[in-house]
Structure formats: C-alpha cells, structure tokens
Amino acid sequence: MPLDRFNRRHTPNTVPPVIVSLLALMNELIELMTAEPDLVMGRQFEAHKELLKLKQKLTLEYRASVRSIAAQPDLLKQLPEDICRKLRIAAQKLADSAERNARMLRAAVTAVQRLIQNIIPIVKGEKLPKSGYKNPKTAHLQLGTYSPTCMPIAIRRSV
C-alpha cells in the first residue's frame, strides 16, 4: 500500500512514526531485493554497487527500527488490528523477497564458479612455450636461433 494512502486513512495520533517508517523501509527493501538479481544477471555492476550500498543502509535502519519496536512491547499492543495485519503482510513479503533474492544470487555465484571450473582445465591443457635459458652448446642446432659460440659458415658449392 502506498504510504500516502496509509497516512490519509490513519492519523499520526493512531500510528506511531516508527511504525510508518518501518513499513516504508520494508517496502523499499522489497523493491531493492526484487531489482537486484536483474542487475547482477544483466552485468550492470556499477548500478548494482550503488543498489548494494543502499540495501545495506536500509537493512541497518530496518534492524534499528525493529529493535526500537521490540524495546517497546506495549507499542504493538496499542496498534489497530488493520495496522498489525499490514505489518504481518509486509513482513511476509519481505521474508519471501529476501529468500528469492538469496536464491537468485546463489544461482549467479554458482554459475560463475562452474564457468571458472570449466576454464581452468582448458588453460592448464594449453601448451605454453617454456621460458628460460637455452643451452648455448645446443642452441645452434635449433633453426632461427642465434648462438654466440657458433659462427655462421658459408660454403662455396660451385667448385
């Protein structure tokens, strides 16, 4: 439910501000967690970086709000039944969204790990040229190499 409709139906006297902000935080976290897998799968790393910062900030605010409400047990008892129902629905949506978000991100990580595991044997199987020193006594036997110990010889074959 949009926050404007929520505020119009319930006056500030009946709903404490901490509850209003908690509902807003929950809705924003749900939206962020719904958008995050699309950014990861779409490889929009800069946008995901910003979203992740915001998600972490909102998560900390959400935890602080929940702790604040837990410290005031009478606060929940004084809330109207419809507000309690909306809190339960929002909490369930947030839990479902967090579960789906975690599942999608785990799948993305697993896909990358499998890709890397498939690339490693291919790279190891490549024959790379051996680097190092060549034996100067046998280097002249290889075509196209210069040996400081052997001088080139020209033989006149016309004789």
Protein backbone atom coordinates (compact mmCIF):
# COMPACT_ATOMS: atom_id res chain seq x y z
CA MET A 1 0.00 0.00 0.00
CA PRO A 2 1.42 3.39 -0.86
CA LEU A 3 2.44 5.41 2.14
CA ASP A 4 0.21 8.37 1.15
CA ARG A 5 -2.96 6.26 1.32
CA PHE A 6 -1.73 4.78 4.58
CA ASN A 7 -1.22 8.25 6.09
CA ARG A 8 -4.61 9.52 4.89
CA ARG A 9 -6.50 6.63 6.47
CA HIS A 10 -4.63 6.74 9.78
CA THR A 11 -3.88 9.95 11.54
CA PRO A 12 -0.44 10.40 13.11
CA ASN A 13 -2.09 10.11 16.54
CA THR A 14 -3.11 6.50 15.93
CA VAL A 15 0.05 5.23 14.20
CA PRO A 16 3.44 5.95 15.74
CA PRO A 17 6.07 7.33 13.33
CA VAL A 18 8.35 4.37 13.99
CA ILE A 19 5.68 2.04 12.53
CA VAL A 20 5.16 4.27 9.50
CA SER A 21 8.92 4.36 8.83
CA LEU A 22 9.19 0.60 9.38
CA LEU A 23 6.52 -0.05 6.75
CA ALA A 24 8.26 2.32 4.33
CA LEU A 25 11.62 0.63 4.94
CA MET A 26 10.09 -2.80 4.39
CA ASN A 27 8.52 -1.75 1.09
CA GLU A 28 11.74 -0.16 -0.14
CA LEU A 29 13.78 -3.24 0.80
CA ILE A 30 11.31 -5.44 -1.08
CA GLU A 31 11.72 -3.29 -4.20
CA LEU A 32 15.52 -3.35 -3.95
CA MET A 33 15.68 -7.10 -3.47
CA THR A 34 13.38 -7.60 -6.43
CA ALA A 35 15.60 -5.43 -8.67
CA GLU A 36 18.98 -6.80 -7.51
CA PRO A 37 19.04 -10.15 -9.39
CA ASP A 38 18.22 -8.39 -12.67
CA LEU A 39 21.19 -6.08 -12.22
CA VAL A 40 23.52 -8.98 -11.42
CA MET A 41 22.31 -11.11 -14.32
CA GLY A 42 22.46 -8.11 -16.65
CA ARG A 43 26.05 -7.41 -15.53
CA GLN A 44 25.23 -3.85 -14.58
CA PHE A 45 27.96 -3.79 -11.96
CA GLU A 46 28.05 -0.04 -11.28
CA ALA A 47 24.28 0.13 -10.76
CA HIS A 48 24.45 -2.98 -8.57
CA LYS A 49 27.21 -1.42 -6.49
CA GLU A 50 25.01 1.60 -5.74
CA LEU A 51 21.99 -0.61 -5.05
CA LEU A 52 24.05 -2.74 -2.68
CA LYS A 53 25.15 0.31 -0.69
CA LEU A 54 21.54 1.45 -0.39
CA LYS A 55 20.39 -2.06 0.53
CA GLN A 56 22.96 -2.28 3.31
CA LYS A 57 21.99 1.15 4.65
CA LEU A 58 18.28 0.30 4.64
CA THR A 59 18.93 -3.07 6.26
CA LEU A 60 20.73 -1.38 9.14
CA GLU A 61 17.87 1.11 9.50
CA TYR A 62 15.36 -1.76 9.41
CA ARG A 63 17.20 -3.62 12.18
CA ALA A 64 17.36 -0.45 14.29
CA SER A 65 13.61 0.10 13.81
CA VAL A 66 12.80 -3.48 14.77
CA ARG A 67 14.99 -3.19 17.89
CA SER A 68 13.28 0.09 18.78
CA ILE A 69 9.85 -1.52 18.47
CA ALA A 70 10.96 -4.62 20.39
CA ALA A 71 12.09 -2.36 23.23
CA GLN A 72 8.52 -1.03 23.50
CA PRO A 73 6.27 -4.10 23.78
CA ASP A 74 3.21 -2.01 24.60
CA LEU A 75 3.52 -0.18 21.30
CA LEU A 76 2.39 -3.18 19.25
CA LYS A 77 -0.46 -3.90 21.65
CA GLN A 78 -1.86 -0.40 21.13
CA LEU A 79 -1.87 -0.60 17.33
CA PRO A 80 -5.16 -1.07 15.49
CA GLU A 81 -5.76 -4.56 14.12
CA ASP A 82 -5.55 -3.47 10.47
CA ILE A 83 -2.09 -1.94 11.08
CA CYS A 84 -0.91 -5.17 12.73
CA ARG A 85 -2.25 -7.12 9.75
CA LYS A 86 -0.40 -4.81 7.33
CA LEU A 87 2.80 -5.27 9.32
CA ARG A 88 2.42 -9.06 9.15
CA ILE A 89 1.75 -8.96 5.40
CA ALA A 90 4.72 -6.67 4.79
CA ALA A 91 6.95 -8.87 6.96
CA GLN A 92 5.89 -11.97 5.00
CA LYS A 93 6.50 -10.20 1.67
CA LEU A 94 9.92 -9.09 2.91
CA ALA A 95 10.81 -12.62 4.02
CA ASP A 96 9.68 -14.06 0.66
CA SER A 97 11.59 -11.39 -1.24
CA ALA A 98 14.75 -11.98 0.82
CA GLU A 99 14.50 -15.74 0.21
CA ARG A 100 14.03 -15.28 -3.55
CA ASN A 101 16.87 -12.72 -3.65
CA ALA A 102 19.25 -15.06 -1.83
CA ARG A 103 18.31 -17.97 -4.10
CA MET A 104 18.91 -15.92 -7.27
CA LEU A 105 22.25 -14.56 -6.04
CA ARG A 106 23.40 -18.06 -5.03
CA ALA A 107 22.50 -19.28 -8.52
CA ALA A 108 24.55 -16.48 -10.10
CA VAL A 109 27.55 -17.28 -7.89
CA THR A 110 27.25 -21.00 -8.68
CA ALA A 111 27.14 -20.27 -12.42
CA VAL A 112 30.32 -18.20 -12.22
CA GLN A 113 32.08 -20.87 -10.14
CA ARG A 114 31.17 -23.57 -12.66
CA LEU A 115 32.37 -21.42 -15.54
CA ILE A 116 35.72 -20.90 -13.81
CA GLN A 117 35.99 -24.62 -13.03
CA ASN A 118 35.47 -25.36 -16.74
CA ILE A 119 38.03 -22.78 -17.86
CA ILE A 120 40.83 -23.89 -15.51
CA PRO A 121 41.45 -27.32 -17.16
CA ILE A 122 41.42 -25.71 -20.61
CA VAL A 123 44.05 -23.20 -19.57
CA LYS A 124 46.15 -25.87 -17.86
CA GLY A 125 45.97 -28.02 -21.01
CA GLU A 126 47.37 -25.30 -23.23
CA LYS A 127 50.98 -25.87 -24.23
CA LEU A 128 52.76 -22.74 -23.29
CA PRO A 129 56.28 -22.09 -24.55
CA LYS A 130 58.84 -22.88 -21.94
CA SER A 131 60.67 -19.84 -20.90
CA GLY A 132 64.15 -19.95 -19.53
CA TYR A 133 67.73 -20.21 -20.58
CA LYS A 134 68.82 -22.25 -23.58
CA ASN A 135 71.87 -24.39 -23.57
CA PRO A 136 74.42 -22.47 -25.65
CA LYS A 137 76.04 -25.75 -26.77
CA THR A 138 72.83 -26.98 -28.40
CA ALA A 139 71.12 -23.70 -29.26
CA HIS A 140 72.79 -23.55 -32.68
CA LEU A 141 71.06 -26.79 -33.62
CA GLN A 142 67.65 -25.10 -33.47
CA LEU A 143 66.63 -23.21 -36.56
CA GLY A 144 66.29 -19.48 -36.24
CA THR A 145 68.27 -19.07 -33.07
CA TYR A 146 71.44 -17.11 -32.65
CA SER A 147 74.34 -18.70 -30.84
CA PRO A 148 77.25 -16.57 -29.67
CA THR A 149 79.53 -19.64 -29.65
CA CYS A 150 78.97 -20.64 -33.28
CA MET A 151 79.90 -18.53 -36.25
CA PRO A 152 77.97 -18.94 -39.48
CA ILE A 153 79.94 -20.60 -42.28
CA ALA A 154 79.46 -20.04 -46.00
CA ILE A 155 80.48 -22.90 -48.26
CA ARG A 156 81.04 -22.26 -51.91
CA ARG A 157 79.35 -25.07 -53.73
CA SER A 158 80.29 -24.00 -57.24
CA VAL A 159 83.76 -25.52 -57.10
